Protein backbone atom coordinates (compact mmCIF):
# COMPACT_ATOMS: atom_id res chain seq x y z
CA MET A 1 90.09 116.55 68.62
CA SER A 2 87.26 114.95 69.16
CA LYS A 3 84.95 113.33 67.57
CA ALA A 4 81.53 113.58 69.27
CA LEU A 5 80.65 117.12 69.69
CA GLY A 6 78.07 118.07 71.54
CA THR A 7 77.04 115.10 73.02
CA ALA A 8 73.76 114.27 75.19
CA VAL A 9 73.83 111.65 78.07
CA GLY A 10 71.07 110.50 80.08
CA ARG A 11 67.59 109.00 78.93
CA THR A 12 65.44 111.11 81.07
CA SER A 13 66.39 114.98 80.41
CA ARG A 14 63.82 117.51 80.39
CA ARG A 15 64.10 117.93 76.56
CA ARG A 16 63.49 114.67 75.96
CA LEU A 17 60.87 114.63 78.24
CA LEU A 18 59.69 117.11 76.35
CA ARG A 19 59.23 115.44 72.75
CA LEU A 20 58.05 111.55 74.50
CA ALA A 21 54.80 113.82 76.38
CA GLY A 22 53.83 114.54 72.60
CA GLY A 23 52.89 111.14 72.04
CA GLY A 24 51.45 110.37 75.29
CA ILE A 25 49.16 107.49 75.14
CA THR A 26 49.40 107.02 71.51
CA MET A 27 53.10 105.71 72.04
CA ALA A 28 52.38 101.90 73.11
CA ALA A 29 50.27 101.34 69.77
CA LEU A 30 52.32 103.40 68.15
CA GLY A 31 55.63 100.93 69.12
CA ALA A 32 52.98 97.82 68.39
CA GLY A 33 52.76 98.62 64.94
CA LEU A 34 56.10 99.55 64.15
CA THR A 35 57.74 96.53 64.65
CA GLY A 36 57.11 93.98 62.31
CA CYS A 37 58.99 92.22 60.02
CA GLU A 38 57.90 93.96 56.81
CA ASP A 39 58.64 97.40 55.76
CA GLU A 40 55.49 98.78 55.72
CA LEU A 41 56.73 102.39 53.92
CA ALA A 42 58.37 100.35 50.92
CA THR A 43 55.96 97.94 50.75
CA GLY A 44 52.97 100.58 50.26
CA GLY A 45 49.89 101.34 52.48
CA GLU A 46 48.94 104.27 54.64
CA GLY A 47 51.71 106.60 55.08
CA SER A 48 53.70 104.33 52.37
CA THR A 49 56.98 106.19 50.56
CA PRO A 50 57.42 105.68 46.89
CA PRO A 51 58.92 103.03 45.38
CA PRO A 52 63.14 103.24 45.55
CA ARG A 53 64.06 104.68 42.34
CA SER A 54 67.15 103.63 40.01
CA ALA A 55 69.26 106.86 40.20
CA SER A 56 69.91 109.57 42.36
CA PRO A 57 69.28 113.46 41.29
CA GLU A 58 72.20 115.40 41.09
CA ASP A 59 73.98 116.99 44.53
CA GLY A 60 70.94 117.06 46.50
CA LYS A 61 68.67 118.57 43.98
CA ALA A 62 64.91 117.09 43.99
CA PRO A 63 64.14 115.02 40.56
CA GLU A 64 61.11 117.59 40.36
CA ASP A 65 60.61 120.64 41.83
CA GLY A 66 60.18 120.84 45.25
CA LYS A 67 59.49 117.48 45.36
CA ALA A 68 61.57 115.03 47.48
CA PRO A 69 63.49 111.98 46.35
CA ALA A 70 62.15 108.81 47.31
CA PRO A 71 64.38 106.30 49.28
CA LEU A 72 66.89 104.11 48.23
CA TRP A 73 65.65 101.64 50.93
CA THR A 74 63.49 102.05 53.40
CA ARG A 75 64.39 99.68 56.69
CA SER A 76 62.04 98.29 59.99
CA THR A 77 64.96 98.97 63.06
CA SER A 78 65.38 98.11 66.55
CA ALA A 79 65.49 101.80 67.79
CA GLN A 80 64.73 103.49 70.90
CA THR A 81 65.65 107.41 70.40
CA TYR A 82 64.88 109.99 72.61
CA GLY A 83 65.54 113.02 69.77
CA ASP A 84 69.63 113.51 70.48
CA ASN A 85 72.02 113.93 67.28
CA ASP A 86 74.25 110.82 68.44
CA GLU A 87 72.08 108.10 68.61
CA LEU A 88 72.13 107.59 65.10
CA VAL A 89 75.60 107.44 63.22
CA ALA A 90 77.07 106.61 60.08
CA VAL A 91 80.47 104.90 59.52
CA ASP A 92 82.57 102.69 58.10
CA GLY A 93 79.42 101.26 55.65
CA VAL A 94 77.41 101.20 57.79
CA VAL A 95 74.31 103.26 59.76
CA ILE A 96 73.63 102.68 63.27
CA ALA A 97 70.57 103.53 65.21
CA SER A 98 70.76 103.36 68.94
CA GLY A 99 68.70 100.70 70.07
CA ASP A 100 68.66 96.85 71.66
CA PRO A 101 70.00 94.76 70.00
CA LEU A 102 71.72 97.20 68.16
CA VAL A 103 71.63 96.97 64.67
CA ALA A 104 74.35 97.81 62.02
CA PHE A 105 73.04 98.32 58.43
CA ASP A 106 75.18 98.28 55.23
CA GLY A 107 74.66 101.85 53.86
CA ALA A 108 74.50 100.98 50.28
CA SER A 109 71.74 97.71 50.62
CA GLY A 110 69.99 98.44 53.57
CA GLU A 111 71.21 94.73 54.14
CA GLU A 112 71.73 94.09 58.32
CA ARG A 113 75.54 94.02 58.42
CA TRP A 114 75.87 92.88 62.12
CA SER A 115 74.07 92.62 65.43
CA LEU A 116 74.50 92.71 69.44
CA PRO A 117 71.79 91.90 72.24
CA ASP A 118 72.42 93.90 75.21
CA GLY A 119 75.32 96.43 73.01
CA ALA A 120 73.78 100.04 74.10
CA VAL A 121 71.73 100.69 76.56
CA PRO A 122 68.96 102.59 74.55
CA GLY A 123 68.93 106.20 73.90
CA ALA A 124 72.53 106.20 75.10
CA PRO A 125 74.90 107.69 72.67
CA LEU A 126 77.56 106.28 70.14
CA LEU A 127 80.12 107.79 70.99
CA LEU A 128 82.57 107.58 68.02
CA GLY A 129 87.39 108.33 68.05
CA ASP A 130 90.01 106.94 66.38
CA GLY A 131 87.98 104.13 64.42
CA THR A 132 86.21 102.98 68.02
CA LEU A 133 82.10 103.29 68.44
CA TYR A 134 82.37 103.31 72.34
CA LEU A 135 79.01 103.20 74.21
CA GLU A 136 77.40 102.71 77.65
CA SER A 137 77.35 98.70 78.05
CA GLY A 138 73.65 97.20 77.67
CA GLN A 139 74.38 94.67 79.97
CA TYR A 140 73.70 97.17 82.96
CA ASP A 141 77.29 95.64 84.80
CA GLY A 142 79.03 98.34 84.69
CA SER A 143 80.61 98.70 81.93
CA VAL A 144 81.90 100.90 78.99
CA ALA A 145 83.02 99.35 75.81
CA GLY A 146 84.64 99.89 72.14
CA TYR A 147 83.66 97.88 69.19
CA VAL A 148 85.23 97.96 65.16
CA PRO A 149 81.62 99.76 63.82
CA GLY A 150 82.46 97.74 60.19
CA SER A 151 82.26 94.56 62.24
CA GLY A 152 80.34 94.76 65.10
CA LYS A 153 83.81 93.54 67.21
CA GLU A 154 84.23 93.99 70.71
CA ALA A 155 87.51 95.78 70.59
CA TRP A 156 88.51 97.44 74.82
CA ARG A 157 86.52 96.97 77.40
CA SER A 158 86.62 99.50 80.90
CA ARG A 159 85.32 99.20 84.37
CA LEU A 160 85.31 102.62 86.52
CA GLY A 161 85.10 100.17 89.74
CA LYS A 162 82.47 98.58 91.88
CA GLU A 163 81.77 101.90 93.84
CA TYR A 164 80.70 103.44 90.85
CA ARG A 165 77.35 103.33 88.92
CA GLN A 166 76.45 102.81 85.03
CA PRO A 167 79.15 104.46 84.05
CA ARG A 168 77.89 106.53 80.82
CA PRO A 169 80.31 107.53 78.28
CA VAL A 170 79.90 112.31 77.29
CA ALA A 171 83.18 112.23 74.97
CA VAL A 172 85.91 110.71 73.51
CA ASP A 173 89.50 112.33 71.96
CA GLY A 174 92.45 110.25 70.20
CA GLU A 175 93.19 109.24 73.95
CA GLN A 176 90.64 108.96 76.64
CA VAL A 177 87.07 108.73 77.41
CA TYR A 178 85.09 110.59 79.18
CA VAL A 179 82.47 109.41 81.84
CA ILE A 180 79.97 110.28 84.61
CA ALA A 181 78.61 108.17 87.28
CA GLU A 182 76.90 107.26 90.37
CA ILE A 183 79.36 107.44 93.41
CA LEU A 184 78.11 104.62 95.75
CA GLU A 185 76.77 104.85 99.25
CA ALA A 186 77.10 102.27 101.19
CA ASP A 187 73.42 100.91 101.22
CA GLY A 188 72.90 101.47 97.62
CA SER A 189 71.68 104.59 96.77
CA SER A 190 73.71 108.06 95.43
CA HIS A 191 73.66 112.00 96.51
CA THR A 192 76.79 112.44 93.56
CA ASN A 193 78.31 111.39 90.66
CA VAL A 194 81.80 111.49 89.45
CA ILE A 195 83.26 112.61 86.04
CA ALA A 196 86.27 110.81 84.68
CA ALA A 197 88.79 109.47 82.20
CA LEU A 198 89.44 106.57 80.76
CA ASN A 199 92.09 104.96 78.92
CA SER A 200 91.38 104.48 75.28
CA ARG A 201 94.15 101.58 74.65
CA THR A 202 94.06 100.00 78.17
CA GLY A 203 91.16 101.11 80.13
CA LYS A 204 93.03 102.62 83.14
CA VAL A 205 91.27 104.93 85.13
CA ALA A 206 93.48 108.11 84.07
CA TRP A 207 91.83 110.67 86.59
CA LYS A 208 88.22 111.34 88.34
CA GLU A 209 86.82 114.15 89.92
CA GLN A 210 83.54 114.22 92.00
CA ARG A 211 81.65 116.51 90.92
CA ASP A 212 79.46 119.14 93.35
CA LEU A 213 76.83 118.10 95.15
CA GLY A 214 73.34 118.61 93.49
CA THR A 215 74.87 117.74 90.53
CA GLN A 216 73.30 115.46 87.69
CA GLN A 217 74.67 112.72 85.66
CA ASN A 218 71.55 112.62 82.88
CA GLY A 219 71.06 115.64 80.52
CA VAL A 220 75.15 116.20 80.25
CA HIS A 221 76.38 117.45 77.00
CA ALA A 222 80.18 117.54 75.95
CA ALA A 223 82.81 118.08 73.90
CA VAL A 224 86.61 117.92 73.85
CA ARG A 225 88.59 120.01 72.15
CA ASP A 226 92.71 119.58 72.47
CA ARG A 227 93.52 120.01 76.44
CA TYR A 228 89.73 121.19 77.32
CA LEU A 229 86.92 119.06 78.31
CA VAL A 230 83.60 120.66 78.18
CA TYR A 231 79.77 120.16 79.33
CA THR A 232 76.78 121.49 80.15
CA ASP A 233 74.12 120.42 82.69
CA PHE A 234 70.60 120.82 83.95
CA LYS A 235 71.93 123.30 86.74
CA ASN A 236 72.78 125.79 83.97
CA ASN A 237 76.74 125.37 84.17
CA LEU A 238 79.02 125.75 81.63
CA THR A 239 82.13 124.40 82.83
CA VAL A 240 85.44 123.14 81.36
CA ARG A 241 87.96 120.53 82.68
CA ASP A 242 91.58 119.75 81.76
CA THR A 243 92.25 116.95 79.79
CA ALA A 244 95.24 115.94 81.46
CA THR A 245 94.04 116.65 85.46
CA GLY A 246 90.60 116.44 85.45
CA LYS A 247 91.03 120.08 87.43
CA GLN A 248 88.20 122.49 86.44
CA VAL A 249 89.81 125.34 84.76
CA TRP A 250 86.36 127.68 84.90
CA THR A 251 82.67 127.39 85.56
CA GLN A 252 79.96 129.82 85.04
CA LYS A 253 76.50 130.03 85.60
CA THR A 254 74.34 130.46 82.14
CA THR A 255 71.91 132.02 81.64
CA LYS A 256 69.05 130.21 79.18
CA THR A 257 71.58 126.92 78.69
CA SER A 258 69.59 124.71 75.89
CA TYR A 259 68.77 121.48 76.48
CA GLY A 260 70.29 120.62 73.36
CA PRO A 261 74.11 120.28 72.02
CA PHE A 262 76.59 123.83 71.82
CA VAL A 263 79.55 123.59 69.11
CA VAL A 264 83.08 123.67 69.95
CA HIS A 265 84.96 125.17 67.09
CA ARG A 266 89.09 125.43 68.00
CA ASP A 267 89.30 128.21 71.04
CA LEU A 268 85.76 128.78 71.36
CA VAL A 269 82.78 127.35 72.77
CA ILE A 270 79.44 128.21 71.21
CA VAL A 271 76.30 127.48 74.03
CA PRO A 272 72.65 129.06 72.11
CA GLN A 273 70.81 130.98 75.20
CA GLY A 274 67.66 131.46 74.28
CA GLN A 275 67.58 134.93 71.88
CA ARG A 276 71.28 135.20 72.34
CA LEU A 277 73.75 133.02 70.35
CA GLN A 278 76.98 133.81 72.53
CA ALA A 279 80.67 132.51 72.33
CA PHE A 280 82.97 131.90 75.17
CA ALA A 281 87.00 131.69 75.42
CA LEU A 282 87.93 127.98 76.12
CA SER A 283 91.21 129.19 78.20
CA ASP A 284 89.33 131.51 80.78
CA GLY A 285 85.24 131.59 79.89
CA SER A 286 86.08 135.61 79.01
CA GLU A 287 82.80 136.47 76.30
CA LYS A 288 84.48 136.43 72.43
CA TRP A 289 81.39 137.66 70.32
CA SER A 290 77.37 137.06 70.51
CA VAL A 291 74.45 137.67 67.87
CA ARG A 292 70.27 138.35 68.66
CA SER A 293 67.49 136.48 66.88
CA GLU A 294 64.49 138.75 66.07
CA GLU A 295 62.29 139.62 69.36
CA PHE A 296 60.32 137.10 71.17
CA THR A 297 62.37 134.04 69.02
CA ALA A 298 65.16 131.72 70.41
CA PHE A 299 67.89 130.40 68.77
CA ARG A 300 67.93 126.54 68.92
CA GLU A 301 70.81 123.74 68.82
CA PRO A 302 73.73 124.60 66.52
CA SER A 303 75.43 122.32 64.42
CA LEU A 304 79.13 122.86 62.76
CA VAL A 305 80.12 121.14 59.46
CA GLU A 306 82.51 122.71 57.76
CA ASP A 307 83.10 125.70 59.46
CA VAL A 308 79.86 127.14 59.85
CA LEU A 309 77.92 127.47 61.92
CA TYR A 310 74.19 126.60 60.86
CA ILE A 311 71.64 126.84 63.17
CA ALA A 312 67.11 127.93 62.97
CA ASP A 313 65.86 130.17 65.56
CA SER A 314 62.11 129.77 66.56
CA GLY A 315 61.20 132.45 63.69
CA ARG A 316 61.86 129.18 60.95
CA THR A 317 64.96 131.43 59.87
CA LEU A 318 67.92 129.49 58.91
CA TRP A 319 71.07 131.42 59.89
CA ALA A 320 74.74 130.46 58.15
CA VAL A 321 77.11 132.02 60.76
CA GLU A 322 81.06 132.06 60.66
CA PRO A 323 81.69 130.24 64.22
CA GLY A 324 85.15 132.34 64.22
CA THR A 325 83.70 135.79 64.54
CA GLY A 326 79.95 135.30 64.30
CA ARG A 327 80.14 137.06 61.35
CA LYS A 328 76.44 135.65 59.48
CA ILE A 329 76.93 133.93 56.46
CA TRP A 330 73.80 134.81 55.05
CA GLN A 331 70.03 134.28 56.66
CA SER A 332 67.32 132.74 54.65
CA THR A 333 62.87 132.70 55.60
CA GLU A 334 61.86 130.27 53.09
CA LEU A 335 60.73 127.49 55.50
CA LYS A 336 59.15 130.28 57.10
CA ASP A 337 57.11 131.23 53.81
CA ALA A 338 56.73 127.86 53.26
CA GLY A 339 55.24 126.69 56.48
CA GLY A 340 58.07 124.37 57.54
CA GLN A 341 58.77 122.76 60.70
CA VAL A 342 62.52 124.11 62.36
CA PRO A 343 65.13 121.71 62.07
CA ARG A 344 67.46 120.94 65.04
CA GLN A 345 70.33 119.20 63.25
CA PHE A 346 72.19 119.73 60.49
CA VAL A 347 74.23 117.29 57.65
CA LYS A 348 75.47 118.69 54.83
CA ALA A 349 76.86 116.02 51.53
CA GLY A 350 77.73 118.14 48.35
CA GLY A 351 76.34 121.38 48.34
CA THR A 352 72.95 120.50 50.08
CA LEU A 353 72.06 120.88 53.69
CA TYR A 354 70.28 118.83 55.49
CA GLY A 355 68.02 119.79 58.59
CA ALA A 356 66.09 117.34 60.74
CA THR A 357 62.97 118.68 62.78
CA ASP A 358 61.43 117.75 65.82
CA LEU A 359 58.09 116.74 65.67
CA ASP A 360 55.95 114.96 62.44
CA ALA A 361 53.45 117.68 61.41
CA GLN A 362 55.36 119.81 58.37
CA GLY A 363 58.40 118.70 59.20
CA GLY A 364 60.88 115.31 58.57
CA VAL A 365 64.15 116.11 56.41
CA HIS A 366 64.62 119.57 55.02
CA ALA A 367 67.00 120.52 52.00
CA PHE A 368 68.57 123.65 51.58
CA ASP A 369 70.80 125.14 49.10
CA ALA A 370 73.80 125.54 51.27
CA LYS A 371 75.33 128.69 49.76
CA ALA A 372 72.17 130.79 50.49
CA GLY A 373 69.92 128.47 52.09
CA GLY A 374 66.79 128.17 49.79
CA LEU A 375 64.85 124.97 50.48
CA ARG A 376 64.91 122.64 48.09
CA TRP A 377 62.83 119.81 48.95
CA THR A 378 60.70 117.84 52.45
CA PHE A 379 60.87 114.14 52.95
CA ASN A 380 58.24 113.50 55.57
CA ASP A 381 57.40 109.54 55.47
CA ARG A 382 53.92 110.69 56.71
CA SER A 383 53.66 108.25 60.05
CA GLY A 384 52.93 110.37 61.89
CA ASP A 385 54.92 109.40 64.58
CA HIS A 386 55.69 111.32 67.48
CA HIS A 387 59.99 111.00 67.39
CA ALA A 388 61.78 113.37 66.39
CA TRP A 389 63.48 113.04 62.73
CA LEU A 390 67.70 112.07 62.90
CA VAL A 391 70.24 112.47 60.35
CA ALA A 392 73.48 111.50 59.29
CA THR A 393 75.33 110.82 55.96
CA ASP A 394 77.93 108.85 54.16
CA GLY A 395 78.55 111.29 52.06
CA LYS A 396 76.89 109.53 48.92
CA ARG A 397 73.42 108.93 51.05
CA VAL A 398 71.29 111.13 53.75
CA PHE A 399 70.43 108.32 56.28
CA ALA A 400 66.98 109.71 58.01
CA LEU A 401 65.73 107.65 61.16
CA HIS A 402 61.66 108.46 62.41
CA GLY A 403 60.90 106.50 65.28
CA LYS A 404 61.85 102.73 63.93
CA LYS A 405 61.68 103.63 60.01
CA LEU A 406 64.96 104.23 58.91
CA HIS A 407 65.17 105.44 54.91
CA ALA A 408 68.08 106.08 53.44
CA LEU A 409 67.69 108.98 51.04
CA PRO A 410 70.64 109.91 47.44
CA ALA A 411 72.87 112.99 48.34
């Protein structure tokens, strides 16, 4: 079973460019203002958050009704993210955000545990599998590397071959790391790409298959479930391959595939397509169930958390759905009533569901009652940074990344 479902690869996806456009010409100024050594948000000043709390609220509840808890700690980071869910991970007691250098902070204290210059391509996914963190090399040397998350020590490295450029991991399971790379022509150009599997113990190439002409290596989202490797791309393709051989099991066009994650649950792949949320059989691509949102609304990115599918629509309704059947568990309009921004990534700790939004206005990290979808509070650092929010959790804390600021909130 994959530990990296719905992984995005590539630094220039359409969804990312739309986000970056929101920042416009302010990007350079914001970057310059956020890279200082002092933690402005922890020490006061414009956009500051309250000082750290000495005690955690019970089960994700606000210390006062409707008020978000203050961060346990806040750190400036080297983060260079583009809003994809796998650019922030919490594992083995540390929290890591994609950036250069790649830095791991202690989850409890916020102190730096290790730093890795040229460790990863900024914005690239941080893939976790079998106790290893897999990265596209930030040295742009054609290699893929694996590291021990708690220490930052290199544990594995592989190269696809000199005839390929920029192998980018897209998914990982207990045996293989799956990559997409450009196929080099004699003149150094590239018009096609290959998808391949690397053995996660030896680094040897298990198989490689050339993808169709016109497909792209950027903007791919992928997941692994048992013998199936599933991925989508900008050409509106939904494709399934056999993990043992690389042979294509089936592929089909989708109508409005979102440029974000999808969900794989048991023998189903669940894809948001505008007003419809559809589930297809992994074995043959047949449709198993479909759910519709209200007219003139569209589903956002789904998250599968503890066997429940959570998804919001553009009408600011939050859904909890049974992934095997499409049955609605509950719907909540509290976010709409509060005028909050739509979340696009979810994690859960205890009885609280945390949702991270795109841009800053009326957004941030929403905390919901996981049983019924009631909105408890919203955390926002009021920095005005144009980057999307990202969340991760270790079960004890919720980590919220916004631009170059990393906050640890009590869970």
